[in-house]
């Protein structure tokens, strides 16, 4: 395994987090299973780095609706998400 490769992992609590090479390309699979709309919650640094492109491309290719909210500090808590106004749209 190359030093630059991250072995894929998945963590599922009340929410699911997947990371590793290729994880963003699987966003469409989860979006189809979990609901009609997706909210990508991030911070400005991640958005600026272009890391969201794979997720957005995956959702766009499958014509799945999503919104991006990048106004959070890293590791937002539930009340921050509720204040975003994206909940219950």
PDB file of N, CA and C in Angstrom:
ATOM      1  N   UNK A   1       0.850  -1.178   0.000  1.00  0.00           N
ATOM      2  CA  UNK A   1       0.000   0.000   0.000  1.00  0.00           C
ATOM      3  C   UNK A   1       0.895   1.241   0.000  1.00  0.00           C
ATOM      4  N   UNK A   2       0.579   2.169  -0.847  1.00  0.00           N
ATOM      5  CA  UNK A   2       1.333   3.412  -0.951  1.00  0.00           C
ATOM      6  C   UNK A   2       1.204   4.232   0.325  1.00  0.00           C
ATOM      7  N   UNK A   3       2.203   4.995   0.625  1.00  0.00           N
ATOM      8  CA  UNK A   3       2.152   5.854   1.812  1.00  0.00           C
ATOM      9  C   UNK A   3       1.066   6.907   1.683  1.00  0.00           C
ATOM     10  N   UNK A   4       0.689   7.277   0.444  1.00  0.00           N
ATOM     11  CA  UNK A   4      -0.307   8.308   0.220  1.00  0.00           C
ATOM     12  C   UNK A   4      -1.733   7.780   0.264  1.00  0.00           C
ATOM     13  N   UNK A   5      -1.899   6.505   0.358  1.00  0.00           N
ATOM     14  CA  UNK A   5      -3.233   5.914   0.353  1.00  0.00           C
ATOM     15  C   UNK A   5      -3.757   5.802   1.774  1.00  0.00           C
ATOM     16  N   UNK A   6      -4.999   6.151   1.951  1.00  0.00           N
ATOM     17  CA  UNK A   6      -5.661   5.976   3.238  1.00  0.00           C
ATOM     18  C   UNK A   6      -6.601   4.791   3.100  1.00  0.00           C
ATOM     19  N   UNK A   7      -6.436   3.818   3.934  1.00  0.00           N
ATOM     20  CA  UNK A   7      -7.302   2.657   3.890  1.00  0.00           C
ATOM     21  C   UNK A   7      -8.727   3.096   4.234  1.00  0.00           C
ATOM     22  N   UNK A   8      -9.732   2.757   3.399  1.00  0.00           N
ATOM     23  CA  UNK A   8     -11.102   3.188   3.664  1.00  0.00           C
ATOM     24  C   UNK A   8     -11.616   2.666   5.005  1.00  0.00           C
ATOM     25  N   UNK A   9     -12.360   3.506   5.679  1.00  0.00           N
ATOM     26  CA  UNK A   9     -12.977   3.173   6.964  1.00  0.00           C
ATOM     27  C   UNK A   9     -14.400   3.703   6.972  1.00  0.00           C
ATOM     28  N   UNK A  10     -15.243   3.116   7.792  1.00  0.00           N
ATOM     29  CA  UNK A  10     -16.584   3.630   7.990  1.00  0.00           C
ATOM     30  C   UNK A  10     -16.883   3.580   9.484  1.00  0.00           C
ATOM     31  N   UNK A  11     -17.468   4.658   9.981  1.00  0.00           N
ATOM     32  CA  UNK A  11     -17.893   4.742  11.373  1.00  0.00           C
ATOM     33  C   UNK A  11     -19.371   5.071  11.344  1.00  0.00           C
ATOM     34  N   UNK A  12     -20.191   4.283  12.058  1.00  0.00           N
ATOM     35  CA  UNK A  12     -21.615   4.578  12.074  1.00  0.00           C
ATOM     36  C   UNK A  12     -22.097   4.629  13.505  1.00  0.00           C
ATOM     37  N   UNK A  13     -22.526   5.805  13.906  1.00  0.00           N
ATOM     38  CA  UNK A  13     -23.131   6.034  15.213  1.00  0.00           C
ATOM     39  C   UNK A  13     -24.572   6.422  14.895  1.00  0.00           C
ATOM     40  N   UNK A  14     -25.087   7.499  15.497  1.00  0.00           N
ATOM     41  CA  UNK A  14     -26.372   7.959  14.987  1.00  0.00           C
ATOM     42  C   UNK A  14     -26.211   8.520  13.565  1.00  0.00           C
ATOM     43  N   UNK A  15     -24.993   8.870  13.204  1.00  0.00           N
ATOM     44  CA  UNK A  15     -24.684   9.309  11.849  1.00  0.00           C
ATOM     45  C   UNK A  15     -23.598   8.396  11.312  1.00  0.00           C
ATOM     46  N   UNK A  16     -23.393   8.447  10.017  1.00  0.00           N
ATOM     47  CA  UNK A  16     -22.363   7.623   9.415  1.00  0.00           C
ATOM     48  C   UNK A  16     -21.280   8.534   8.858  1.00  0.00           C
ATOM     49  N   UNK A  17     -20.031   8.161   9.049  1.00  0.00           N
ATOM     50  CA  UNK A  17     -18.897   8.889   8.506  1.00  0.00           C
ATOM     51  C   UNK A  17     -18.035   7.888   7.757  1.00  0.00           C
ATOM     52  N   UNK A  18     -17.761   8.190   6.503  1.00  0.00           N
ATOM     53  CA  UNK A  18     -16.870   7.337   5.731  1.00  0.00           C
ATOM     54  C   UNK A  18     -15.735   8.204   5.224  1.00  0.00           C
ATOM     55  N   UNK A  19     -14.533   7.677   5.242  1.00  0.00           N
ATOM     56  CA  UNK A  19     -13.394   8.420   4.734  1.00  0.00           C
ATOM     57  C   UNK A  19     -12.423   7.460   4.085  1.00  0.00           C
ATOM     58  N   UNK A  20     -11.527   8.022   3.310  1.00  0.00           N
ATOM     59  CA  UNK A  20     -10.542   7.223   2.605  1.00  0.00           C
ATOM     60  C   UNK A  20     -10.667   7.448   1.109  1.00  0.00           C
ATOM     61  N   UNK A  21      -9.715   6.926   0.367  1.00  0.00           N
ATOM     62  CA  UNK A  21      -9.706   7.106  -1.075  1.00  0.00           C
ATOM     63  C   UNK A  21     -10.984   6.565  -1.699  1.00  0.00           C
ATOM     64  N   UNK A  22     -11.625   7.372  -2.530  1.00  0.00           N
ATOM     65  CA  UNK A  22     -12.833   6.969  -3.232  1.00  0.00           C
ATOM     66  C   UNK A  22     -14.126   7.167  -2.469  1.00  0.00           C
ATOM     67  N   UNK A  23     -14.064   7.573  -1.219  1.00  0.00           N
ATOM     68  CA  UNK A  23     -15.279   7.708  -0.419  1.00  0.00           C
ATOM     69  C   UNK A  23     -16.236   8.744  -1.007  1.00  0.00           C
ATOM     70  N   UNK A  24     -15.712   9.846  -1.531  1.00  0.00           N
ATOM     71  CA  UNK A  24     -16.595  10.889  -2.054  1.00  0.00           C
ATOM     72  C   UNK A  24     -17.396  10.407  -3.253  1.00  0.00           C
ATOM     73  N   UNK A  25     -16.863   9.497  -4.022  1.00  0.00           N
ATOM     74  CA  UNK A  25     -17.580   9.005  -5.199  1.00  0.00           C
ATOM     75  C   UNK A  25     -18.768   8.116  -4.828  1.00  0.00           C
ATOM     76  N   UNK A  26     -18.843   7.693  -3.584  1.00  0.00           N
ATOM     77  CA  UNK A  26     -19.956   6.862  -3.130  1.00  0.00           C
ATOM     78  C   UNK A  26     -21.075   7.687  -2.487  1.00  0.00           C
ATOM     79  N   UNK A  27     -20.963   8.998  -2.500  1.00  0.00           N
ATOM     80  CA  UNK A  27     -21.981   9.864  -1.884  1.00  0.00           C
ATOM     81  C   UNK A  27     -23.358   9.599  -2.463  1.00  0.00           C
ATOM     82  N   UNK A  28     -23.432   9.387  -3.776  1.00  0.00           N
ATOM     83  CA  UNK A  28     -24.731   9.162  -4.426  1.00  0.00           C
ATOM     84  C   UNK A  28     -25.436   7.931  -3.873  1.00  0.00           C
ATOM     85  N   UNK A  29     -24.671   6.890  -3.558  1.00  0.00           N
ATOM     86  CA  UNK A  29     -25.274   5.661  -3.039  1.00  0.00           C
ATOM     87  C   UNK A  29     -25.959   5.914  -1.708  1.00  0.00           C
ATOM     88  N   UNK A  30     -25.304   6.648  -0.839  1.00  0.00           N
ATOM     89  CA  UNK A  30     -25.872   6.935   0.470  1.00  0.00           C
ATOM     90  C   UNK A  30     -27.029   7.912   0.373  1.00  0.00           C
ATOM     91  N   UNK A  31     -26.911   8.891  -0.504  1.00  0.00           N
ATOM     92  CA  UNK A  31     -27.980   9.874  -0.662  1.00  0.00           C
ATOM     93  C   UNK A  31     -29.258   9.206  -1.143  1.00  0.00           C
ATOM     94  N   UNK A  32     -29.147   8.264  -2.062  1.00  0.00           N
ATOM     95  CA  UNK A  32     -30.326   7.553  -2.564  1.00  0.00           C
ATOM     96  C   UNK A  32     -31.004   6.748  -1.462  1.00  0.00           C
ATOM     97  N   UNK A  33     -30.224   6.156  -0.594  1.00  0.00           N
ATOM     98  CA  UNK A  33     -30.759   5.322   0.484  1.00  0.00           C
ATOM     99  C   UNK A  33     -31.378   6.166   1.584  1.00  0.00           C
ATOM    100  N   UNK A  34     -30.727   7.276   1.930  1.00  0.00           N
ATOM    101  CA  UNK A  34     -31.090   8.023   3.132  1.00  0.00           C
ATOM    102  C   UNK A  34     -32.153   9.101   2.930  1.00  0.00           C
ATOM    103  N   UNK A  35     -32.408   9.536   1.731  1.00  0.00           N
ATOM    104  CA  UNK A  35     -33.428  10.559   1.563  1.00  0.00           C
ATOM    105  C   UNK A  35     -33.388  11.233   0.226  1.00  0.00           C
ATOM    106  N   UNK A  36     -34.202  12.275   0.094  1.00  0.00           N
ATOM    107  CA  UNK A  36     -34.350  12.974  -1.174  1.00  0.00           C
ATOM    108  C   UNK A  36     -33.371  14.116  -1.340  1.00  0.00           C
ATOM    109  N   UNK A  37     -32.925  14.707  -0.234  1.00  0.00           N
ATOM    110  CA  UNK A  37     -32.022  15.854  -0.281  1.00  0.00           C
ATOM    111  C   UNK A  37     -30.819  15.582   0.612  1.00  0.00           C
ATOM    112  N   UNK A  38     -29.699  16.179   0.234  1.00  0.00           N
ATOM    113  CA  UNK A  38     -28.496  16.050   1.055  1.00  0.00           C
ATOM    114  C   UNK A  38     -28.010  17.436   1.448  1.00  0.00           C
ATOM    115  N   UNK A  39     -27.454  17.521   2.624  1.00  0.00           N
ATOM    116  CA  UNK A  39     -26.819  18.745   3.095  1.00  0.00           C
ATOM    117  C   UNK A  39     -25.365  18.421   3.355  1.00  0.00           C
ATOM    118  N   UNK A  40     -24.488  19.097   2.635  1.00  0.00           N
ATOM    119  CA  UNK A  40     -23.055  18.927   2.835  1.00  0.00           C
ATOM    120  C   UNK A  40     -22.625  20.025   3.792  1.00  0.00           C
ATOM    121  N   UNK A  41     -22.231  19.636   4.973  1.00  0.00           N
ATOM    122  CA  UNK A  41     -21.833  20.575   6.015  1.00  0.00           C
ATOM    123  C   UNK A  41     -20.322  20.565   6.100  1.00  0.00           C
ATOM    124  N   UNK A  42     -19.725  21.737   5.958  1.00  0.00           N
ATOM    125  CA  UNK A  42     -18.269  21.814   5.938  1.00  0.00           C
ATOM    126  C   UNK A  42     -17.811  23.152   6.501  1.00  0.00           C
ATOM    127  N   UNK A  43     -16.529  23.354   6.467  1.00  0.00           N
ATOM    128  CA  UNK A  43     -15.987  24.657   6.849  1.00  0.00           C
ATOM    129  C   UNK A  43     -15.317  25.268   5.629  1.00  0.00           C
ATOM    130  N   UNK A  44     -14.995  26.532   5.699  1.00  0.00           N
ATOM    131  CA  UNK A  44     -14.450  27.253   4.555  1.00  0.00           C
ATOM    132  C   UNK A  44     -13.128  26.660   4.059  1.00  0.00           C
ATOM    133  N   UNK A  45     -12.299  26.150   4.956  1.00  0.00           N
ATOM    134  CA  UNK A  45     -11.014  25.582   4.561  1.00  0.00           C
ATOM    135  C   UNK A  45     -11.171  24.357   3.676  1.00  0.00           C
ATOM    136  N   UNK A  46     -12.078  23.470   4.032  1.00  0.00           N
ATOM    137  CA  UNK A  46     -12.331  22.267   3.231  1.00  0.00           C
ATOM    138  C   UNK A  46     -12.926  22.660   1.882  1.00  0.00           C
ATOM    139  N   UNK A  47     -13.873  23.590   1.901  1.00  0.00           N
ATOM    140  CA  UNK A  47     -14.494  24.041   0.649  1.00  0.00           C
ATOM    141  C   UNK A  47     -13.452  24.679  -0.273  1.00  0.00           C
ATOM    142  N   UNK A  48     -12.617  25.529   0.288  1.00  0.00           N
ATOM    143  CA  UNK A  48     -11.599  26.222  -0.503  1.00  0.00           C
ATOM    144  C   UNK A  48     -10.575  25.244  -1.087  1.00  0.00           C
ATOM    145  N   UNK A  49     -10.292  24.167  -0.395  1.00  0.00           N
ATOM    146  CA  UNK A  49      -9.315  23.177  -0.841  1.00  0.00           C
ATOM    147  C   UNK A  49      -9.839  22.309  -1.989  1.00  0.00           C
ATOM    148  N   UNK A  50     -11.134  22.432  -2.304  1.00  0.00           N
ATOM    149  CA  UNK A  50     -11.704  21.665  -3.403  1.00  0.00           C
ATOM    150  C   UNK A  50     -12.056  20.234  -3.058  1.00  0.00           C
ATOM    151  N   UNK A  51     -12.067  19.915  -1.792  1.00  0.00           N
ATOM    152  CA  UNK A  51     -12.320  18.544  -1.352  1.00  0.00           C
ATOM    153  C   UNK A  51     -13.771  18.119  -1.602  1.00  0.00           C
ATOM    154  N   UNK A  52     -14.680  19.062  -1.709  1.00  0.00           N
ATOM    155  CA  UNK A  52     -16.093  18.737  -1.912  1.00  0.00           C
ATOM    156  C   UNK A  52     -16.416  18.343  -3.354  1.00  0.00           C
ATOM    157  N   UNK A  53     -15.514  18.589  -4.274  1.00  0.00           N
ATOM    158  CA  UNK A  53     -15.778  18.352  -5.696  1.00  0.00           C
ATOM    159  C   UNK A  53     -16.224  16.921  -5.973  1.00  0.00           C
ATOM    160  N   UNK A  54     -15.573  15.951  -5.401  1.00  0.00           N
ATOM    161  CA  UNK A  54     -15.944  14.553  -5.630  1.00  0.00           C
ATOM    162  C   UNK A  54     -17.351  14.241  -5.154  1.00  0.00           C
ATOM    163  N   UNK A  55     -17.732  14.809  -4.018  1.00  0.00           N
ATOM    164  CA  UNK A  55     -19.082  14.606  -3.495  1.00  0.00           C
ATOM    165  C   UNK A  55     -20.100  15.267  -4.414  1.00  0.00           C
ATOM    166  N   UNK A  56     -19.860  16.533  -4.757  1.00  0.00           N
ATOM    167  CA  UNK A  56     -20.784  17.265  -5.624  1.00  0.00           C
ATOM    168  C   UNK A  56     -20.906  16.579  -6.983  1.00  0.00           C
ATOM    169  N   UNK A  57     -19.790  16.149  -7.555  1.00  0.00           N
ATOM    170  CA  UNK A  57     -19.823  15.461  -8.854  1.00  0.00           C
ATOM    171  C   UNK A  57     -20.653  14.182  -8.771  1.00  0.00           C
ATOM    172  N   UNK A  58     -20.471  13.438  -7.693  1.00  0.00           N
ATOM    173  CA  UNK A  58     -21.197  12.187  -7.504  1.00  0.00           C
ATOM    174  C   UNK A  58     -22.703  12.434  -7.441  1.00  0.00           C
ATOM    175  N   UNK A  59     -23.104  13.462  -6.714  1.00  0.00           N
ATOM    176  CA  UNK A  59     -24.529  13.783  -6.591  1.00  0.00           C
ATOM    177  C   UNK A  59     -25.077  14.366  -7.895  1.00  0.00           C
ATOM    178  N   UNK A  60     -24.300  15.243  -8.536  1.00  0.00           N
ATOM    179  CA  UNK A  60     -24.727  15.847  -9.804  1.00  0.00           C
ATOM    180  C   UNK A  60     -24.945  14.800 -10.894  1.00  0.00           C
ATOM    181  N   UNK A  61     -24.035  13.849 -10.990  1.00  0.00           N
ATOM    182  CA  UNK A  61     -24.131  12.808 -12.019  1.00  0.00           C
ATOM    183  C   UNK A  61     -25.430  12.022 -11.909  1.00  0.00           C
ATOM    184  N   UNK A  62     -25.973  11.952 -10.717  1.00  0.00           N
ATOM    185  CA  UNK A  62     -27.199  11.191 -10.475  1.00  0.00           C
ATOM    186  C   UNK A  62     -28.407  12.088 -10.250  1.00  0.00           C
ATOM    187  N   UNK A  63     -28.226  13.379 -10.554  1.00  0.00           N
ATOM    188  CA  UNK A  63     -29.307  14.361 -10.455  1.00  0.00           C
ATOM    189  C   UNK A  63     -29.966  14.351  -9.068  1.00  0.00           C
ATOM    190  N   UNK A  64     -29.128  14.260  -8.036  1.00  0.00           N
ATOM    191  CA  UNK A  64     -29.609  14.278  -6.662  1.00  0.00           C
ATOM    192  C   UNK A  64     -29.468  15.684  -6.098  1.00  0.00           C
ATOM    193  N   UNK A  65     -30.506  16.150  -5.421  1.00  0.00           N
ATOM    194  CA  UNK A  65     -30.533  17.510  -4.884  1.00  0.00           C
ATOM    195  C   UNK A  65     -29.677  17.606  -3.617  1.00  0.00           C
ATOM    196  N   UNK A  66     -28.923  18.707  -3.514  1.00  0.00           N
ATOM    197  CA  UNK A  66     -28.106  18.929  -2.329  1.00  0.00           C
ATOM    198  C   UNK A  66     -27.847  20.422  -2.155  1.00  0.00           C
ATOM    199  N   UNK A  67     -27.452  20.770  -0.964  1.00  0.00           N
ATOM    200  CA  UNK A  67     -27.029  22.135  -0.651  1.00  0.00           C
ATOM    201  C   UNK A  67     -25.705  22.031   0.092  1.00  0.00           C
ATOM    202  N   UNK A  68     -24.882  23.053  -0.059  1.00  0.00           N
ATOM    203  CA  UNK A  68     -23.598  23.107   0.648  1.00  0.00           C
ATOM    204  C   UNK A  68     -23.674  24.266   1.627  1.00  0.00           C
ATOM    205  N   UNK A  69     -23.350  23.986   2.865  1.00  0.00           N
ATOM    206  CA  UNK A  69     -23.265  25.026   3.886  1.00  0.00           C
ATOM    207  C   UNK A  69     -21.859  24.980   4.456  1.00  0.00           C
ATOM    208  N   UNK A  70     -21.111  26.058   4.241  1.00  0.00           N
ATOM    209  CA  UNK A  70     -19.717  26.082   4.681  1.00  0.00           C
ATOM    210  C   UNK A  70     -19.479  27.102   5.787  1.00  0.00           C
ATOM    211  N   UNK A  71     -20.520  27.494   6.494  1.00  0.00           N
ATOM    212  CA  UNK A  71     -20.392  28.513   7.525  1.00  0.00           C
ATOM    213  C   UNK A  71     -20.131  27.972   8.918  1.00  0.00           C
ATOM    214  N   UNK A  72     -19.629  26.776   9.025  1.00  0.00           N
ATOM    215  CA  UNK A  72     -19.383  26.185  10.337  1.00  0.00           C
ATOM    216  C   UNK A  72     -17.908  26.161  10.680  1.00  0.00           C
ATOM    217  N   UNK A  73     -17.683  26.064  11.952  1.00  0.00           N
ATOM    218  CA  UNK A  73     -16.345  25.765  12.439  1.00  0.00           C
ATOM    219  C   UNK A  73     -16.170  24.253  12.256  1.00  0.00           C
ATOM    220  N   UNK A  74     -14.958  23.755  12.241  1.00  0.00           N
ATOM    221  CA  UNK A  74     -14.781  22.303  12.135  1.00  0.00           C
ATOM    222  C   UNK A  74     -15.528  21.566  13.246  1.00  0.00           C
ATOM    223  N   UNK A  75     -16.060  20.379  12.924  1.00  0.00           N
ATOM    224  CA  UNK A  75     -16.790  19.517  13.862  1.00  0.00           C
ATOM    225  C   UNK A  75     -17.999  20.205  14.479  1.00  0.00           C
ATOM    226  N   UNK A  76     -18.973  20.612  13.652  1.00  0.00           N
ATOM    227  CA  UNK A  76     -20.148  21.303  14.178  1.00  0.00           C
ATOM    228  C   UNK A  76     -20.991  20.393  15.065  1.00  0.00           C
ATOM    229  N   UNK A  77     -21.703  21.006  15.986  1.00  0.00           N
ATOM    230  CA  UNK A  77     -22.620  20.264  16.852  1.00  0.00           C
ATOM    231  C   UNK A  77     -24.038  20.433  16.324  1.00  0.00           C
ATOM    232  N   UNK A  78     -24.967  19.674  16.846  1.00  0.00           N
ATOM    233  CA  UNK A  78     -26.325  19.656  16.320  1.00  0.00           C
ATOM    234  C   UNK A  78     -27.004  21.023  16.336  1.00  0.00           C
ATOM    235  N   UNK A  79     -26.768  21.832  17.364  1.00  0.00           N
ATOM    236  CA  UNK A  79     -27.424  23.133  17.416  1.00  0.00           C
ATOM    237  C   UNK A  79     -26.920  24.073  16.328  1.00  0.00           C
ATOM    238  N   UNK A  80     -25.677  23.920  15.905  1.00  0.00           N
ATOM    239  CA  UNK A  80     -25.168  24.722  14.790  1.00  0.00           C
ATOM    240  C   UNK A  80     -25.898  24.346  13.506  1.00  0.00           C
ATOM    241  N   UNK A  81     -26.129  23.056  13.299  1.00  0.00           N
ATOM    242  CA  UNK A  81     -26.821  22.597  12.104  1.00  0.00           C
ATOM    243  C   UNK A  81     -28.263  23.119  12.131  1.00  0.00           C
ATOM    244  N   UNK A  82     -28.919  23.054  13.272  1.00  0.00           N
ATOM    245  CA  UNK A  82     -30.289  23.549  13.376  1.00  0.00           C
ATOM    246  C   UNK A  82     -30.364  25.038  13.058  1.00  0.00           C
ATOM    247  N   UNK A  83     -29.393  25.818  13.498  1.00  0.00           N
ATOM    248  CA  UNK A  83     -29.363  27.255  13.239  1.00  0.00           C
ATOM    249  C   UNK A  83     -29.086  27.582  11.784  1.00  0.00           C
ATOM    250  N   UNK A  84     -28.568  26.628  11.029  1.00  0.00           N
ATOM    251  CA  UNK A  84     -28.234  26.882   9.620  1.00  0.00           C
ATOM    252  C   UNK A  84     -29.473  27.150   8.792  1.00  0.00           C
ATOM    253  N   UNK A  85     -30.621  26.664   9.237  1.00  0.00           N
ATOM    254  CA  UNK A  85     -31.842  26.832   8.474  1.00  0.00           C
ATOM    255  C   UNK A  85     -32.071  25.752   7.442  1.00  0.00           C
ATOM    256  N   UNK A  86     -31.152  24.800   7.313  1.00  0.00           N
ATOM    257  CA  UNK A  86     -31.302  23.740   6.319  1.00  0.00           C
ATOM    258  C   UNK A  86     -32.121  22.573   6.859  1.00  0.00           C
ATOM    259  N   UNK A  87     -32.294  22.495   8.153  1.00  0.00           N
ATOM    260  CA  UNK A  87     -33.034  21.387   8.744  1.00  0.00           C
ATOM    261  C   UNK A  87     -34.524  21.572   8.456  1.00  0.00           C
ATOM    262  N   UNK A  88     -35.177  20.503   8.114  1.00  0.00           N
ATOM    263  CA  UNK A  88     -36.628  20.479   7.845  1.00  0.00           C
ATOM    264  C   UNK A  88     -37.041  21.343   6.665  1.00  0.00           C
ATOM    265  N   UNK A  89     -36.196  21.442   5.655  1.00  0.00           N
ATOM    266  CA  UNK A  89     -36.587  22.185   4.437  1.00  0.00           C
ATOM    267  C   UNK A  89     -37.481  21.338   3.596  1.00  0.00           C
TER     268      UNK A  89
END
